[in-house]
């Protein structure tokens, strides 16, 4: 089991730790309404949805052995309100997030 965790990573995903360590650029701050909405949506997701989000941003649905607190995350503003979907650069753990006008719209995207 320990060898499996070393090779495959952990299925336990502490998104609160990831939120604490996240950085923001392009006009976003941790207190920006879009960022608050993003984390509200994330924390309301089912575990399998969170795994998919992690894979979308990092390329892996599992956390490293030390957890998500060791995984850098950069969230960049990617334009104003739009119908575009978020995009990511998995090699750098960068999420390009449009400045959606509402939490509901973000949840849909």
N, C-alpha and C. Protein backbone atom coordinates (compact mmCIF):
# COMPACT_ATOMS: atom_id res chain seq x y z
N UNK A 1 0.83 -1.20 0.00
CA UNK A 1 0.00 0.00 0.00
C UNK A 1 0.87 1.25 0.00
N UNK A 2 1.94 1.24 0.80
CA UNK A 2 2.81 2.40 0.86
C UNK A 2 3.54 2.61 -0.47
N UNK A 3 3.97 1.51 -1.09
CA UNK A 3 4.63 1.60 -2.39
C UNK A 3 3.67 2.14 -3.44
N UNK A 4 2.43 1.70 -3.38
CA UNK A 4 1.42 2.18 -4.32
C UNK A 4 1.23 3.69 -4.18
N UNK A 5 1.19 4.19 -2.94
CA UNK A 5 1.04 5.64 -2.72
C UNK A 5 2.24 6.40 -3.26
N UNK A 6 3.44 5.83 -3.11
CA UNK A 6 4.64 6.49 -3.63
C UNK A 6 4.61 6.58 -5.15
N UNK A 7 4.16 5.51 -5.80
CA UNK A 7 4.17 5.46 -7.25
C UNK A 7 2.97 6.17 -7.86
N UNK A 8 1.78 5.89 -7.32
CA UNK A 8 0.53 6.39 -7.93
C UNK A 8 0.02 7.68 -7.33
N UNK A 9 0.45 8.01 -6.13
CA UNK A 9 -0.06 9.18 -5.45
C UNK A 9 -1.22 8.83 -4.54
N UNK A 10 -1.70 9.82 -3.83
CA UNK A 10 -2.76 9.63 -2.84
C UNK A 10 -4.11 9.99 -3.44
N UNK A 11 -5.13 9.22 -3.07
CA UNK A 11 -6.49 9.55 -3.48
C UNK A 11 -7.12 10.57 -2.55
N UNK A 12 -6.50 10.82 -1.40
CA UNK A 12 -7.01 11.81 -0.45
C UNK A 12 -6.64 13.20 -0.97
N UNK A 13 -7.65 14.00 -1.21
CA UNK A 13 -7.42 15.32 -1.80
C UNK A 13 -7.87 16.41 -0.84
N UNK A 14 -6.91 17.14 -0.31
CA UNK A 14 -7.18 18.22 0.63
C UNK A 14 -7.18 19.55 -0.13
N UNK A 15 -8.34 19.88 -0.68
CA UNK A 15 -8.43 21.10 -1.47
C UNK A 15 -8.33 22.36 -0.60
N UNK A 16 -8.60 22.24 0.69
CA UNK A 16 -8.42 23.39 1.58
C UNK A 16 -6.93 23.76 1.63
N UNK A 17 -6.07 22.75 1.69
CA UNK A 17 -4.63 23.00 1.69
C UNK A 17 -4.19 23.61 0.36
N UNK A 18 -4.77 23.13 -0.74
CA UNK A 18 -4.43 23.68 -2.05
C UNK A 18 -4.87 25.13 -2.15
N UNK A 19 -6.03 25.42 -1.61
CA UNK A 19 -6.53 26.81 -1.61
C UNK A 19 -5.59 27.72 -0.82
N UNK A 20 -5.14 27.25 0.33
CA UNK A 20 -4.24 28.08 1.16
C UNK A 20 -2.93 28.39 0.43
N UNK A 21 -2.46 27.46 -0.39
CA UNK A 21 -1.18 27.66 -1.06
C UNK A 21 -1.28 28.26 -2.46
N UNK A 22 -2.48 28.47 -2.94
CA UNK A 22 -2.67 28.98 -4.31
C UNK A 22 -2.16 30.42 -4.44
N UNK A 23 -1.70 30.73 -5.65
CA UNK A 23 -1.29 32.10 -5.98
C UNK A 23 -2.21 32.61 -7.09
N UNK A 24 -2.32 33.92 -7.17
CA UNK A 24 -3.25 34.54 -8.12
C UNK A 24 -2.54 35.68 -8.84
N UNK A 25 -2.82 35.80 -10.14
CA UNK A 25 -2.24 36.88 -10.94
C UNK A 25 -3.25 37.34 -11.97
N UNK A 26 -2.88 38.40 -12.67
CA UNK A 26 -3.72 38.91 -13.75
C UNK A 26 -4.93 39.68 -13.28
N UNK A 27 -4.88 40.18 -12.05
CA UNK A 27 -6.01 40.94 -11.51
C UNK A 27 -6.79 40.18 -10.46
N UNK A 28 -6.50 38.91 -10.29
CA UNK A 28 -7.15 38.13 -9.23
C UNK A 28 -6.37 38.22 -7.93
N UNK A 29 -7.08 38.19 -6.83
CA UNK A 29 -6.51 38.05 -5.50
C UNK A 29 -7.33 36.99 -4.78
N UNK A 30 -6.88 36.56 -3.63
CA UNK A 30 -7.64 35.53 -2.90
C UNK A 30 -9.01 36.04 -2.49
N UNK A 31 -9.20 37.35 -2.41
CA UNK A 31 -10.47 37.93 -2.00
C UNK A 31 -11.36 38.36 -3.17
N UNK A 32 -10.89 38.18 -4.38
CA UNK A 32 -11.68 38.55 -5.56
C UNK A 32 -12.94 37.69 -5.61
N UNK A 33 -14.04 38.26 -6.03
CA UNK A 33 -15.32 37.54 -6.03
C UNK A 33 -15.27 36.28 -6.91
N UNK A 34 -14.57 36.34 -8.03
CA UNK A 34 -14.47 35.16 -8.90
C UNK A 34 -13.69 34.05 -8.21
N UNK A 35 -12.66 34.40 -7.49
CA UNK A 35 -11.86 33.39 -6.77
C UNK A 35 -12.67 32.81 -5.63
N UNK A 36 -13.39 33.64 -4.91
CA UNK A 36 -14.25 33.11 -3.82
C UNK A 36 -15.29 32.16 -4.41
N UNK A 37 -15.88 32.54 -5.54
CA UNK A 37 -16.86 31.67 -6.21
C UNK A 37 -16.21 30.36 -6.66
N UNK A 38 -15.01 30.45 -7.22
CA UNK A 38 -14.30 29.25 -7.67
C UNK A 38 -14.14 28.26 -6.52
N UNK A 39 -13.64 28.73 -5.38
CA UNK A 39 -13.40 27.82 -4.26
C UNK A 39 -14.72 27.32 -3.66
N UNK A 40 -15.76 28.14 -3.67
CA UNK A 40 -17.08 27.65 -3.21
C UNK A 40 -17.56 26.50 -4.10
N UNK A 41 -17.39 26.66 -5.40
CA UNK A 41 -17.79 25.60 -6.33
C UNK A 41 -16.95 24.35 -6.09
N UNK A 42 -15.65 24.52 -5.96
CA UNK A 42 -14.75 23.37 -5.74
C UNK A 42 -15.12 22.63 -4.46
N UNK A 43 -15.31 23.35 -3.38
CA UNK A 43 -15.61 22.70 -2.10
C UNK A 43 -16.98 22.04 -2.11
N UNK A 44 -17.85 22.44 -3.01
CA UNK A 44 -19.17 21.82 -3.14
C UNK A 44 -19.20 20.62 -4.08
N UNK A 45 -18.07 20.33 -4.71
CA UNK A 45 -18.01 19.21 -5.65
C UNK A 45 -17.96 17.87 -4.92
N UNK A 46 -18.41 16.84 -5.62
CA UNK A 46 -18.27 15.47 -5.13
C UNK A 46 -16.80 15.06 -5.29
N UNK A 47 -16.34 14.09 -4.51
CA UNK A 47 -14.93 13.67 -4.60
C UNK A 47 -14.48 13.30 -6.01
N UNK A 48 -15.30 12.61 -6.77
CA UNK A 48 -14.89 12.24 -8.13
C UNK A 48 -14.79 13.47 -9.04
N UNK A 49 -15.61 14.48 -8.80
CA UNK A 49 -15.52 15.72 -9.57
C UNK A 49 -14.24 16.47 -9.22
N UNK A 50 -13.87 16.45 -7.96
CA UNK A 50 -12.62 17.10 -7.54
C UNK A 50 -11.41 16.41 -8.17
N UNK A 51 -11.47 15.08 -8.26
CA UNK A 51 -10.39 14.34 -8.92
C UNK A 51 -10.26 14.75 -10.38
N UNK A 52 -11.39 14.93 -11.04
CA UNK A 52 -11.37 15.36 -12.44
C UNK A 52 -10.81 16.78 -12.58
N UNK A 53 -11.16 17.66 -11.65
CA UNK A 53 -10.63 19.02 -11.66
C UNK A 53 -9.11 18.99 -11.46
N UNK A 54 -8.66 18.19 -10.51
CA UNK A 54 -7.23 18.07 -10.27
C UNK A 54 -6.51 17.59 -11.52
N UNK A 55 -7.08 16.59 -12.19
CA UNK A 55 -6.49 16.07 -13.43
C UNK A 55 -6.49 17.14 -14.52
N UNK A 56 -7.53 17.94 -14.59
CA UNK A 56 -7.62 19.01 -15.59
C UNK A 56 -6.50 20.03 -15.39
N UNK A 57 -6.21 20.36 -14.14
CA UNK A 57 -5.22 21.40 -13.84
C UNK A 57 -3.80 20.86 -13.82
N UNK A 58 -3.61 19.64 -13.31
CA UNK A 58 -2.25 19.12 -13.10
C UNK A 58 -1.86 17.97 -14.02
N UNK A 59 -2.85 17.32 -14.63
CA UNK A 59 -2.55 16.15 -15.44
C UNK A 59 -2.62 14.85 -14.65
N UNK A 60 -2.90 14.93 -13.36
CA UNK A 60 -3.01 13.73 -12.52
C UNK A 60 -4.21 13.87 -11.59
N UNK A 61 -4.97 12.79 -11.45
CA UNK A 61 -6.15 12.81 -10.58
C UNK A 61 -5.81 12.48 -9.14
N UNK A 62 -4.53 12.28 -8.86
CA UNK A 62 -4.10 11.95 -7.50
C UNK A 62 -3.09 12.98 -7.01
N UNK A 63 -3.04 13.13 -5.70
CA UNK A 63 -2.09 14.04 -5.09
C UNK A 63 -0.78 13.32 -4.82
N UNK A 64 0.34 14.04 -4.81
CA UNK A 64 1.60 13.40 -4.44
C UNK A 64 1.55 12.93 -2.99
N UNK A 65 2.51 12.16 -2.59
CA UNK A 65 2.53 11.53 -1.26
C UNK A 65 2.36 12.56 -0.14
N UNK A 66 2.89 13.77 -0.32
CA UNK A 66 2.79 14.80 0.72
C UNK A 66 1.52 15.62 0.62
N UNK A 67 0.63 15.29 -0.34
CA UNK A 67 -0.65 15.98 -0.44
C UNK A 67 -0.61 17.19 -1.35
N UNK A 68 -1.76 17.83 -1.47
CA UNK A 68 -1.89 18.98 -2.37
C UNK A 68 -1.16 20.22 -1.88
N UNK A 69 -0.83 20.26 -0.60
CA UNK A 69 -0.14 21.46 -0.11
C UNK A 69 1.22 21.63 -0.79
N UNK A 70 1.77 20.56 -1.33
CA UNK A 70 3.05 20.64 -2.03
C UNK A 70 2.92 20.86 -3.53
N UNK A 71 1.69 20.98 -4.01
CA UNK A 71 1.46 21.17 -5.45
C UNK A 71 1.17 22.65 -5.70
N UNK A 72 2.06 23.33 -6.42
CA UNK A 72 1.80 24.75 -6.68
C UNK A 72 0.57 24.91 -7.58
N UNK A 73 -0.18 25.95 -7.34
CA UNK A 73 -1.34 26.28 -8.17
C UNK A 73 -1.32 27.78 -8.41
N UNK A 74 -1.40 28.14 -9.69
CA UNK A 74 -1.50 29.54 -10.08
C UNK A 74 -2.79 29.71 -10.86
N UNK A 75 -3.63 30.64 -10.41
CA UNK A 75 -4.87 30.94 -11.12
C UNK A 75 -4.74 32.34 -11.72
N UNK A 76 -4.84 32.38 -13.05
CA UNK A 76 -4.72 33.63 -13.79
C UNK A 76 -6.07 34.05 -14.35
N UNK A 77 -6.33 35.35 -14.33
CA UNK A 77 -7.55 35.88 -14.94
C UNK A 77 -7.40 35.75 -16.45
N UNK A 78 -8.40 35.18 -17.10
CA UNK A 78 -8.36 34.97 -18.54
C UNK A 78 -9.53 35.70 -19.20
N UNK A 79 -9.51 37.02 -19.10
CA UNK A 79 -10.55 37.84 -19.71
C UNK A 79 -11.75 38.04 -18.81
N UNK A 80 -12.69 38.82 -19.31
CA UNK A 80 -13.90 39.13 -18.57
C UNK A 80 -14.93 38.03 -18.70
N UNK A 81 -16.16 38.36 -18.32
CA UNK A 81 -17.25 37.40 -18.39
C UNK A 81 -17.41 36.92 -19.84
N UNK A 82 -17.57 35.63 -19.99
CA UNK A 82 -17.59 35.04 -21.32
C UNK A 82 -18.31 33.70 -21.28
N UNK A 83 -18.50 33.14 -22.43
CA UNK A 83 -19.05 31.78 -22.52
C UNK A 83 -17.93 30.75 -22.66
N UNK A 84 -16.68 31.22 -22.74
CA UNK A 84 -15.56 30.30 -22.86
C UNK A 84 -15.38 29.47 -21.60
N UNK A 85 -14.82 28.29 -21.79
CA UNK A 85 -14.51 27.42 -20.67
C UNK A 85 -13.14 27.77 -20.10
N UNK A 86 -12.89 27.44 -18.85
CA UNK A 86 -11.54 27.61 -18.31
C UNK A 86 -10.56 26.73 -19.09
N UNK A 87 -9.31 27.11 -19.09
CA UNK A 87 -8.26 26.31 -19.70
C UNK A 87 -7.14 26.14 -18.68
N UNK A 88 -6.24 25.21 -18.97
CA UNK A 88 -5.15 24.95 -18.02
C UNK A 88 -3.87 24.60 -18.76
N UNK A 89 -2.76 24.88 -18.10
CA UNK A 89 -1.44 24.45 -18.55
C UNK A 89 -0.96 23.44 -17.52
N UNK A 90 -1.16 22.16 -17.83
CA UNK A 90 -0.91 21.11 -16.84
C UNK A 90 0.56 21.01 -16.44
N UNK A 91 1.48 21.34 -17.33
CA UNK A 91 2.90 21.24 -16.98
C UNK A 91 3.29 22.22 -15.88
N UNK A 92 2.52 23.29 -15.75
CA UNK A 92 2.86 24.33 -14.79
C UNK A 92 1.80 24.51 -13.70
N UNK A 93 0.75 23.68 -13.70
CA UNK A 93 -0.33 23.79 -12.72
C UNK A 93 -0.95 25.18 -12.73
N UNK A 94 -1.25 25.65 -13.93
CA UNK A 94 -1.83 26.98 -14.12
C UNK A 94 -3.26 26.83 -14.62
N UNK A 95 -4.19 27.48 -13.95
CA UNK A 95 -5.58 27.53 -14.38
C UNK A 95 -5.87 28.92 -14.92
N UNK A 96 -6.33 28.99 -16.17
CA UNK A 96 -6.73 30.25 -16.79
C UNK A 96 -8.24 30.35 -16.65
N UNK A 97 -8.66 31.23 -15.78
CA UNK A 97 -10.07 31.30 -15.38
C UNK A 97 -10.69 32.61 -15.83
N UNK A 98 -11.70 32.55 -16.70
CA UNK A 98 -12.41 33.79 -17.04
C UNK A 98 -13.07 34.39 -15.79
N UNK A 99 -13.29 35.67 -15.84
CA UNK A 99 -13.91 36.39 -14.73
C UNK A 99 -15.43 36.28 -14.86
N UNK A 100 -15.97 35.09 -14.56
CA UNK A 100 -17.40 34.84 -14.72
C UNK A 100 -18.22 35.76 -13.83
N UNK A 101 -19.41 36.11 -14.31
CA UNK A 101 -20.26 37.09 -13.63
C UNK A 101 -20.98 36.51 -12.41
N UNK A 102 -21.05 35.17 -12.31
CA UNK A 102 -21.77 34.60 -11.16
C UNK A 102 -21.21 33.23 -10.81
N UNK A 103 -21.45 32.82 -9.60
CA UNK A 103 -21.04 31.50 -9.13
C UNK A 103 -21.78 30.41 -9.90
N UNK A 104 -23.04 30.64 -10.22
CA UNK A 104 -23.81 29.66 -10.97
C UNK A 104 -23.23 29.43 -12.37
N UNK A 105 -22.81 30.51 -13.00
CA UNK A 105 -22.21 30.38 -14.32
C UNK A 105 -20.90 29.59 -14.24
N UNK A 106 -20.12 29.85 -13.20
CA UNK A 106 -18.87 29.13 -13.01
C UNK A 106 -19.15 27.64 -12.77
N UNK A 107 -20.14 27.34 -12.00
CA UNK A 107 -20.52 25.95 -11.71
C UNK A 107 -20.87 25.22 -13.01
N UNK A 108 -21.54 25.91 -13.91
CA UNK A 108 -21.93 25.31 -15.19
C UNK A 108 -20.73 25.03 -16.07
N UNK A 109 -19.74 25.87 -15.99
CA UNK A 109 -18.56 25.74 -16.85
C UNK A 109 -17.62 24.68 -16.29
